[in-house]
Each structure stands twice: as structure tokens, then as C-alpha cells.
Amino acid sequence: MHGNDLVVATHGRSFWILDDVTPLRQIKSGTASENAVLYAPQTAMRLHYPDEVDTHAPHGENPPAGALIDYYLKSAPKGELTIDILDAQGKVLRHLSSTHSTKEAQPPEWPDQIVPNDQIAAKQGMNRLVWDLRMNDPVQIPGAFYSGPTPRGPLVPPGSYQVRLSVGSVTHTAPLTVVADPRVANSDSAIRAKTELALNVEHDIDRLHRAVNAIRKTRAEFERVHKSLANHPSNKSLADESESLSKQLDPIEQALMQVNMKGSEANLAFPGMLNELFATFALSMDDADTPPTAQHLAFYQSLHGQLETQLGLWNKLQGEGIAAFNAHLKASGVAPIALGAN
């Protein structure tokens, strides 16, 4: 036994490691009769794992990258099974489901590309979730490309958390402790500062993505209205107004993201806009348990200010131009523009 792992060796050419026997130590006489059992996870270590590992060459299997959450189901549930990670105040930081993945991966470009999937298992018997210690991802832009992983939630800081397993109306909870990398001395204040910045970045990315998605839905609405007005020559002034307002969406969207990004290396031909800059910046903070630098903070303020400018233009267009146009449409008996929710 090595900690919570069982190591078996042949004293020849191989050895095997059974990761985490913690659930075995929690089995009781009545465990087998329970419909569902959530085992208290072992302490999880907050490490910075690589996003992808080359599995082509002969290699051993790395330990699971994150917190190991084991649970037993007497039978497979007929409905959804969910696992939530809550902080010490009871706020849900991560929500996971057995019926769908919360990840919206960018379109795969290579046959062996690792496509993120956080749909959890719900089969009869023992199940294991490897939680990557990340909070919920920001809302994504469908079909968007990035030079690296899609924007994701920040790593949680060290602390006390709670795992909540829900099957139907039955809920089970268990405590989970996350600790910092013991090889980095006195990292608490550094992690707190970097987590605060990472949360601000994630919040801005979420706002940016929601704005792009809303702009695209609004553009589709303008196309619908424009086609409708084309059948009524008497409404030419409305058609001209519709076309003029629709064109005002383009510069805002083009400042928010690189609309010509059709592959992960398209940034070689087209400059990164706010979305791509934010995504790259977020990845840069996953490097180590060190405090953000003065350059980190200054660059974030620059990106945040540019985002506020574009969101201000988008809000003004909705509150003035599109609102006035909708009043004109209503007066003419035409269904108004349904604004995409931010």
C-alpha cells in the first residue's frame, strides 16, 4: 500500500497501480442494499495537468487528473443523475449530468484529437468521476475555433468543498478537500490573487460569448423581417431601415471575435480579436501557482475596457435603433425583431 493506492509488482518487467482504494475502506455491512452510495473522496491535489498527452508511443498510464469521485448504483437510473460541486457557502461551482456533456468543443480537425466530454457515468455498479477541479465553463459560441482549448472555467482554489449526488428525488453528499501543490511553498496568497483574476476573465468571456450569440440571433431576425418586407413594396422605407440596422451589427461582432477563424491556425492569416485574446490570456494563467504579474493585470484592464466599449455599442443599438425600428414594425403590422438574449 502506498497512501490510498495499491501497487502490485511482478518483480520482473511490470507493475500496476490501482488508484485510490478509499471506497473499499468505506464499505459497510449495509452498503450492498443501498440504491446509491456516494463515497467520501480522498483529498485532491491541485496540480496543473497538460491538456493532451501523446498516447501513440509505448507509455504508462498517468494517474487520473483531478479529484476522484466514486459512487455505487444498485441499478442504472431511469432518469438523469447529476453531480454538483459546492463551495463552503453552498454555491454550485460545477454541474455535471449523466444525460449530456456541458462541453461545447470546437470542431475537431484531426482524427485523433481529444474532444472534451464531461458527461458522467450512470451504470449499474461502481462508477467513477474524475473532476478536473474546474468551475463551470462560460457560455460558448457554437462552431468557434481557438488555437488551444475552448475557454473553460478556472481552477478552484484550495479549500473545503462538498460533492452532491442526485438521483431522482434522492440526494447524497460528501465532503471533499482540495489542497495546493505541496512542492510550491507559501502559495496560498498567490493562488487567491490568480483565482480572482481568472474569475474576472471568465466572467468577461461569458459576457462576450453571450453578446456574440445574441448578435447572431438578431441578425437572423433581421433576415426574416427583410424577407417579409420584400413582399410589400409599400414598406420600402422599413426595408431600408432594416438593412441599415443589420449592417451595424457587423463591426461590433467583428471587434468581439475573429469571424474569419475557420481553423485553429487561422490566426496566422487573421489577427486575433477580443475573443481570441481573452482565450489565450486565460490559458496563460494556468501555468503555475504564482501571483499575476503587473503585465497580467494591465493587459486584463486593456481587454476589459475594450469589451466594455463594444458591449456599450451593442446595448445602445438595441435600446435605440432596434427599439425604434420595432415600433415602426408594430405600427405597420409586422412582427418585431426578437432580440437574442445576452
Protein backbone atom coordinates (compact mmCIF):
# COMPACT_ATOMS: atom_id res chain seq x y z
CA MET A 1 0.00 0.00 0.00
CA HIS A 2 1.25 3.49 -0.89
CA GLY A 3 -1.08 6.08 0.62
CA ASN A 4 -4.51 5.28 -0.85
CA ASP A 5 -3.11 3.36 -3.84
CA LEU A 6 -2.48 -0.36 -4.15
CA VAL A 7 0.72 -1.17 -6.03
CA VAL A 8 1.28 -4.66 -7.40
CA ALA A 9 4.63 -5.68 -8.92
CA THR A 10 5.84 -8.87 -10.61
CA HIS A 11 9.45 -8.08 -9.73
CA GLY A 12 10.08 -8.65 -13.39
CA ARG A 13 9.14 -6.18 -16.10
CA SER A 14 5.88 -4.67 -14.94
CA PHE A 15 3.95 -3.15 -12.09
CA TRP A 16 0.38 -1.96 -11.79
CA ILE A 17 -1.25 0.70 -9.63
CA LEU A 18 -4.86 0.56 -8.51
CA ASP A 19 -5.63 4.24 -7.98
CA ASP A 20 -7.42 5.09 -4.76
CA VAL A 21 -8.82 2.27 -2.64
CA THR A 22 -10.65 4.87 -0.49
CA PRO A 23 -14.12 3.43 -1.38
CA LEU A 24 -13.07 -0.05 -0.15
CA ARG A 25 -12.34 1.39 3.29
CA GLN A 26 -15.86 2.88 3.49
CA ILE A 27 -17.85 -0.26 2.65
CA LYS A 28 -20.21 -1.27 5.45
CA SER A 29 -22.45 -4.26 6.04
CA GLY A 30 -25.48 -2.48 4.54
CA THR A 31 -23.73 -0.92 1.53
CA ALA A 32 -24.85 -3.61 -0.91
CA SER A 33 -28.51 -2.98 -0.12
CA GLU A 34 -28.33 0.77 -0.74
CA ASN A 35 -29.80 2.07 -4.02
CA ALA A 36 -27.00 4.61 -4.34
CA VAL A 37 -23.81 5.23 -2.37
CA LEU A 38 -21.53 8.28 -2.66
CA TYR A 39 -18.11 7.63 -1.16
CA ALA A 40 -16.22 10.45 0.54
CA PRO A 41 -13.36 11.26 -1.87
CA GLN A 42 -9.75 11.29 -0.80
CA THR A 43 -8.03 14.68 -0.57
CA ALA A 44 -7.44 16.07 -4.08
CA MET A 45 -4.24 17.84 -5.02
CA ARG A 46 -4.49 20.96 -7.15
CA LEU A 47 -1.98 20.43 -9.96
CA HIS A 48 -1.51 21.86 -13.44
CA TYR A 49 -2.03 18.98 -15.85
CA PRO A 50 -1.28 19.00 -19.60
CA ASP A 51 -4.36 19.27 -21.80
CA GLU A 52 -3.32 16.44 -24.08
CA VAL A 53 -0.82 13.58 -23.77
CA ASP A 54 0.69 11.75 -26.75
CA THR A 55 -0.56 8.16 -26.50
CA HIS A 56 0.98 6.86 -29.72
CA ALA A 57 4.31 5.66 -28.34
CA PRO A 58 4.56 2.88 -25.72
CA HIS A 59 3.81 4.50 -22.40
CA GLY A 60 2.37 4.01 -18.96
CA GLU A 61 -0.98 5.45 -17.98
CA ASN A 62 -0.85 8.66 -15.97
CA PRO A 63 -2.82 8.95 -12.70
CA PRO A 64 -6.28 10.49 -13.14
CA ALA A 65 -6.02 14.27 -13.49
CA GLY A 66 -8.27 15.63 -10.76
CA ALA A 67 -10.44 14.62 -7.82
CA LEU A 68 -11.66 11.00 -7.80
CA ILE A 69 -15.37 10.79 -7.00
CA ASP A 70 -16.62 7.20 -6.67
CA TYR A 71 -20.26 6.21 -6.38
CA TYR A 72 -22.23 2.97 -6.48
CA LEU A 73 -25.63 2.41 -8.11
CA LYS A 74 -27.65 -0.69 -7.34
CA SER A 75 -29.27 -0.29 -10.77
CA ALA A 76 -28.93 2.14 -13.64
CA PRO A 77 -31.29 5.10 -13.07
CA LYS A 78 -34.15 5.60 -15.50
CA GLY A 79 -33.71 9.36 -15.46
CA GLU A 80 -30.89 11.87 -15.07
CA LEU A 81 -28.13 11.55 -12.49
CA THR A 82 -26.30 14.72 -11.56
CA ILE A 83 -23.23 15.63 -9.54
CA ASP A 84 -22.70 19.16 -8.24
CA ILE A 85 -19.59 20.58 -6.62
CA LEU A 86 -20.43 23.19 -3.96
CA ASP A 87 -18.15 25.60 -2.15
CA ALA A 88 -18.15 26.20 1.61
CA GLN A 89 -21.06 28.68 1.24
CA GLY A 90 -23.20 26.17 -0.69
CA LYS A 91 -22.77 27.83 -4.08
CA VAL A 92 -22.72 25.41 -7.03
CA LEU A 93 -19.37 25.75 -8.81
CA ARG A 94 -19.73 22.85 -11.24
CA HIS A 95 -22.77 20.98 -12.50
CA LEU A 96 -22.39 17.63 -14.28
CA SER A 97 -25.02 15.35 -15.80
CA SER A 98 -25.35 11.74 -16.95
CA THR A 99 -27.56 12.73 -19.91
CA HIS A 100 -25.35 15.29 -21.65
CA SER A 101 -21.95 16.93 -21.68
CA THR A 102 -21.65 20.58 -20.72
CA LYS A 103 -18.69 20.94 -23.06
CA GLU A 104 -19.07 22.57 -26.47
CA ALA A 105 -15.85 21.53 -28.18
CA GLN A 106 -14.56 23.33 -31.22
CA PRO A 107 -14.93 21.27 -34.43
CA PRO A 108 -12.25 18.52 -34.42
CA GLU A 109 -9.56 18.97 -37.07
CA TRP A 110 -7.61 15.73 -36.64
CA PRO A 111 -8.83 12.12 -36.34
CA ASP A 112 -7.05 11.57 -33.00
CA GLN A 113 -7.90 14.91 -31.41
CA ILE A 114 -9.13 14.63 -27.83
CA VAL A 115 -12.67 16.04 -27.75
CA PRO A 116 -13.70 17.19 -24.24
CA ASN A 117 -16.66 15.37 -22.73
CA ASP A 118 -17.77 15.69 -19.11
CA GLN A 119 -20.89 13.53 -19.29
CA ILE A 120 -20.81 11.35 -16.19
CA ALA A 121 -21.38 7.60 -15.96
CA ALA A 122 -24.60 6.17 -14.54
CA LYS A 123 -24.23 2.42 -14.99
CA GLN A 124 -25.16 -0.34 -12.56
CA GLY A 125 -22.40 -0.98 -10.05
CA MET A 126 -19.33 1.15 -9.37
CA ASN A 127 -18.84 4.43 -11.21
CA ARG A 128 -16.01 6.96 -11.07
CA LEU A 129 -15.94 10.65 -12.00
CA VAL A 130 -12.60 12.40 -12.36
CA TRP A 131 -13.45 16.04 -11.67
CA ASP A 132 -10.83 18.29 -13.23
CA LEU A 133 -11.13 20.79 -10.32
CA ARG A 134 -12.57 23.41 -12.64
CA MET A 135 -15.67 25.55 -12.22
CA ASN A 136 -18.42 25.71 -14.85
CA ASP A 137 -17.34 26.81 -18.31
CA PRO A 138 -18.51 30.13 -19.74
CA VAL A 139 -21.26 30.06 -22.36
CA GLN A 140 -19.69 29.06 -25.68
CA ILE A 141 -20.02 30.32 -29.25
CA PRO A 142 -21.11 27.32 -31.37
CA GLY A 143 -18.55 26.43 -34.02
CA ALA A 144 -15.87 28.83 -32.76
CA PHE A 145 -12.22 27.90 -33.32
CA TYR A 146 -9.30 28.55 -30.97
CA SER A 147 -5.58 27.90 -31.22
CA GLY A 148 -5.86 25.94 -27.95
CA PRO A 149 -8.70 24.50 -25.82
CA THR A 150 -12.05 26.25 -25.79
CA PRO A 151 -12.50 28.73 -22.91
CA ARG A 152 -13.20 26.88 -19.66
CA GLY A 153 -13.85 27.51 -16.00
CA PRO A 154 -11.00 28.47 -13.66
CA LEU A 155 -9.38 26.00 -11.28
CA VAL A 156 -10.89 26.10 -7.81
CA PRO A 157 -8.55 27.32 -5.05
CA PRO A 158 -7.55 25.00 -2.19
CA GLY A 159 -10.30 24.64 0.38
CA SER A 160 -13.28 22.62 1.60
CA TYR A 161 -15.96 21.61 -0.87
CA GLN A 162 -18.98 19.36 -0.99
CA VAL A 163 -19.96 16.75 -3.57
CA ARG A 164 -23.71 16.33 -4.14
CA LEU A 165 -25.04 13.28 -5.99
CA SER A 166 -28.69 13.45 -7.04
CA VAL A 167 -30.70 10.51 -8.41
CA GLY A 168 -34.35 11.37 -8.86
CA SER A 169 -35.52 12.88 -5.58
CA VAL A 170 -32.72 11.27 -3.54
CA THR A 171 -29.59 13.29 -2.72
CA HIS A 172 -26.30 12.19 -1.19
CA THR A 173 -23.49 14.49 -0.08
CA ALA A 174 -19.85 14.01 0.86
CA PRO A 175 -17.03 16.39 1.85
CA LEU A 176 -14.06 16.99 -0.41
CA THR A 177 -10.83 18.77 0.46
CA VAL A 178 -8.61 20.32 -2.21
CA VAL A 179 -5.01 21.14 -1.27
CA ALA A 180 -2.30 23.10 -3.06
CA ASP A 181 0.72 21.53 -4.69
CA PRO A 182 3.00 20.81 -1.69
CA ARG A 183 6.09 21.44 -3.82
CA VAL A 184 5.22 25.15 -4.03
CA ALA A 185 5.84 26.86 -0.70
CA ASN A 186 3.58 29.62 0.63
CA SER A 187 1.33 29.63 -2.45
CA ASP A 188 -1.98 30.49 -0.77
CA SER A 189 -1.93 34.24 -1.42
CA ALA A 190 -0.65 33.73 -4.97
CA ILE A 191 -3.44 31.27 -5.77
CA ARG A 192 -6.08 33.58 -4.28
CA ALA A 193 -4.89 36.50 -6.41
CA LYS A 194 -4.69 34.48 -9.59
CA THR A 195 -8.10 32.87 -8.94
CA GLU A 196 -9.67 36.31 -8.52
CA LEU A 197 -8.23 37.43 -11.85
CA ALA A 198 -9.22 34.16 -13.55
CA LEU A 199 -12.82 34.61 -12.34
CA ASN A 200 -12.92 38.14 -13.76
CA VAL A 201 -11.59 36.87 -17.08
CA GLU A 202 -14.13 34.01 -17.17
CA HIS A 203 -16.96 36.46 -16.42
CA ASP A 204 -15.88 38.73 -19.28
CA ILE A 205 -15.53 35.78 -21.68
CA ASP A 206 -19.06 34.68 -20.74
CA ARG A 207 -20.43 38.18 -21.40
CA LEU A 208 -18.58 38.36 -24.73
CA HIS A 209 -19.90 34.99 -25.87
CA ARG A 210 -23.47 35.82 -24.89
CA ALA A 211 -23.24 39.08 -26.85
CA VAL A 212 -21.95 37.32 -30.00
CA ASN A 213 -24.67 34.67 -29.77
CA ALA A 214 -27.31 37.41 -29.30
CA ILE A 215 -25.97 39.42 -32.25
CA ARG A 216 -26.18 36.35 -34.49
CA LYS A 217 -29.74 35.61 -33.41
CA THR A 218 -30.66 39.23 -34.01
CA ARG A 219 -29.08 39.13 -37.47
CA ALA A 220 -31.25 36.10 -38.30
CA GLU A 221 -34.28 38.08 -37.14
CA PHE A 222 -33.36 40.96 -39.48
CA GLU A 223 -33.12 38.49 -42.37
CA ARG A 224 -36.60 37.21 -41.53
CA VAL A 225 -38.06 40.72 -41.38
CA HIS A 226 -36.28 41.80 -44.55
CA LYS A 227 -37.77 38.88 -46.48
CA SER A 228 -41.19 39.69 -45.09
CA LEU A 229 -40.91 43.34 -46.12
CA ALA A 230 -39.73 42.38 -49.62
CA ASN A 231 -43.25 41.17 -50.35
CA HIS A 232 -44.67 44.61 -49.56
CA PRO A 233 -43.22 47.29 -51.85
CA SER A 234 -45.04 49.96 -49.87
CA ASN A 235 -42.74 49.17 -46.96
CA LYS A 236 -39.52 50.10 -48.80
CA SER A 237 -38.57 52.60 -46.10
CA LEU A 238 -38.83 49.90 -43.49
CA ALA A 239 -36.75 47.54 -45.64
CA ASP A 240 -34.06 50.21 -45.98
CA GLU A 241 -34.12 50.80 -42.22
CA SER A 242 -33.83 47.06 -41.62
CA GLU A 243 -30.82 46.73 -43.92
CA SER A 244 -29.10 49.74 -42.37
CA LEU A 245 -29.52 48.46 -38.79
CA SER A 246 -28.47 44.95 -39.74
CA LYS A 247 -25.18 46.25 -41.14
CA GLN A 248 -24.48 47.94 -37.80
CA LEU A 249 -24.21 44.50 -36.19
CA ASP A 250 -21.14 43.59 -38.26
CA PRO A 251 -18.46 45.92 -36.84
CA ILE A 252 -19.46 45.05 -33.27
CA GLU A 253 -19.31 41.30 -33.90
CA GLN A 254 -16.04 41.65 -35.81
CA ALA A 255 -14.47 43.52 -32.89
CA LEU A 256 -15.68 40.91 -30.41
CA MET A 257 -14.33 37.90 -32.32
CA GLN A 258 -12.40 36.95 -35.43
CA VAL A 259 -15.26 35.96 -37.74
CA ASN A 260 -12.83 34.56 -40.34
CA MET A 261 -11.42 31.99 -37.88
CA LYS A 262 -12.27 28.74 -39.68
CA GLY A 263 -9.47 26.63 -38.18
CA SER A 264 -7.18 26.62 -35.16
CA GLU A 265 -4.29 28.04 -37.22
CA ALA A 266 -6.31 30.71 -39.00
CA ASN A 267 -4.74 33.19 -36.60
CA LEU A 268 -1.68 33.00 -38.88
CA ALA A 269 -3.71 34.80 -41.54
CA PHE A 270 -6.21 36.79 -39.48
CA PRO A 271 -5.47 38.82 -36.33
CA GLY A 272 -6.93 37.69 -33.04
CA MET A 273 -9.77 39.88 -31.82
CA LEU A 274 -11.13 40.20 -28.28
CA ASN A 275 -12.44 36.63 -28.07
CA GLU A 276 -9.16 35.09 -29.18
CA LEU A 277 -7.11 37.43 -26.98
CA PHE A 278 -9.21 36.62 -23.93
CA ALA A 279 -8.95 32.86 -24.62
CA THR A 280 -5.16 32.95 -24.94
CA PHE A 281 -4.86 35.18 -21.88
CA ALA A 282 -6.97 32.77 -19.79
CA LEU A 283 -4.69 29.87 -20.78
CA SER A 284 -1.62 31.85 -19.76
CA MET A 285 -2.82 31.92 -16.15
CA ASP A 286 -2.88 28.10 -15.90
CA ASP A 287 0.90 27.93 -15.82
CA ALA A 288 1.84 27.82 -12.12
CA ASP A 289 0.82 28.76 -8.58
CA THR A 290 2.32 32.21 -8.83
CA PRO A 291 0.66 35.62 -8.39
CA PRO A 292 -0.44 37.52 -11.50
CA THR A 293 2.23 39.89 -12.76
CA ALA A 294 1.83 43.62 -13.32
CA GLN A 295 1.65 42.82 -17.04
CA HIS A 296 -1.18 40.34 -16.38
CA LEU A 297 -3.21 42.97 -14.56
CA ALA A 298 -2.51 45.72 -17.10
CA PHE A 299 -3.39 43.50 -20.05
CA TYR A 300 -6.65 42.41 -18.40
CA GLN A 301 -7.64 46.04 -17.83
CA SER A 302 -6.97 46.74 -21.50
CA LEU A 303 -9.10 43.79 -22.67
CA HIS A 304 -11.85 44.59 -20.16
CA GLY A 305 -12.02 48.21 -21.32
CA GLN A 306 -12.25 47.21 -24.99
CA LEU A 307 -15.02 44.73 -24.16
CA GLU A 308 -17.00 47.36 -22.25
CA THR A 309 -16.79 49.67 -25.28
CA GLN A 310 -18.19 47.06 -27.67
CA LEU A 311 -20.89 45.88 -25.26
CA GLY A 312 -21.86 49.53 -24.81
CA LEU A 313 -22.29 49.90 -28.57
CA TRP A 314 -24.35 46.71 -28.70
CA ASN A 315 -26.60 47.82 -25.82
CA LYS A 316 -27.06 51.24 -27.42
CA LEU A 317 -28.03 49.68 -30.76
CA GLN A 318 -30.64 47.54 -29.01
CA GLY A 319 -32.01 50.31 -26.81
CA GLU A 320 -32.20 52.96 -29.51
CA GLY A 321 -32.02 51.87 -33.15
CA ILE A 322 -33.63 48.43 -32.91
CA ALA A 323 -36.21 49.55 -30.33
CA ALA A 324 -37.32 52.40 -32.64
CA PHE A 325 -37.41 50.04 -35.62
CA ASN A 326 -39.60 47.60 -33.69
CA ALA A 327 -42.05 50.43 -33.00
CA HIS A 328 -42.19 51.14 -36.75
CA LEU A 329 -42.74 47.44 -37.49
CA LYS A 330 -45.53 47.21 -34.94
CA ALA A 331 -47.25 50.22 -36.43
CA SER A 332 -47.13 48.53 -39.86
CA GLY A 333 -48.46 45.23 -38.55
CA VAL A 334 -45.15 43.35 -38.95
CA ALA A 335 -43.80 41.05 -36.24
CA PRO A 336 -40.95 42.91 -34.47
CA ILE A 337 -37.32 41.88 -34.08
CA ALA A 338 -36.95 39.36 -31.26
CA LEU A 339 -33.66 40.31 -29.68
CA GLY A 340 -31.29 37.44 -28.82
CA ALA A 341 -30.90 37.23 -25.05
CA ASN A 342 -27.48 38.35 -23.80
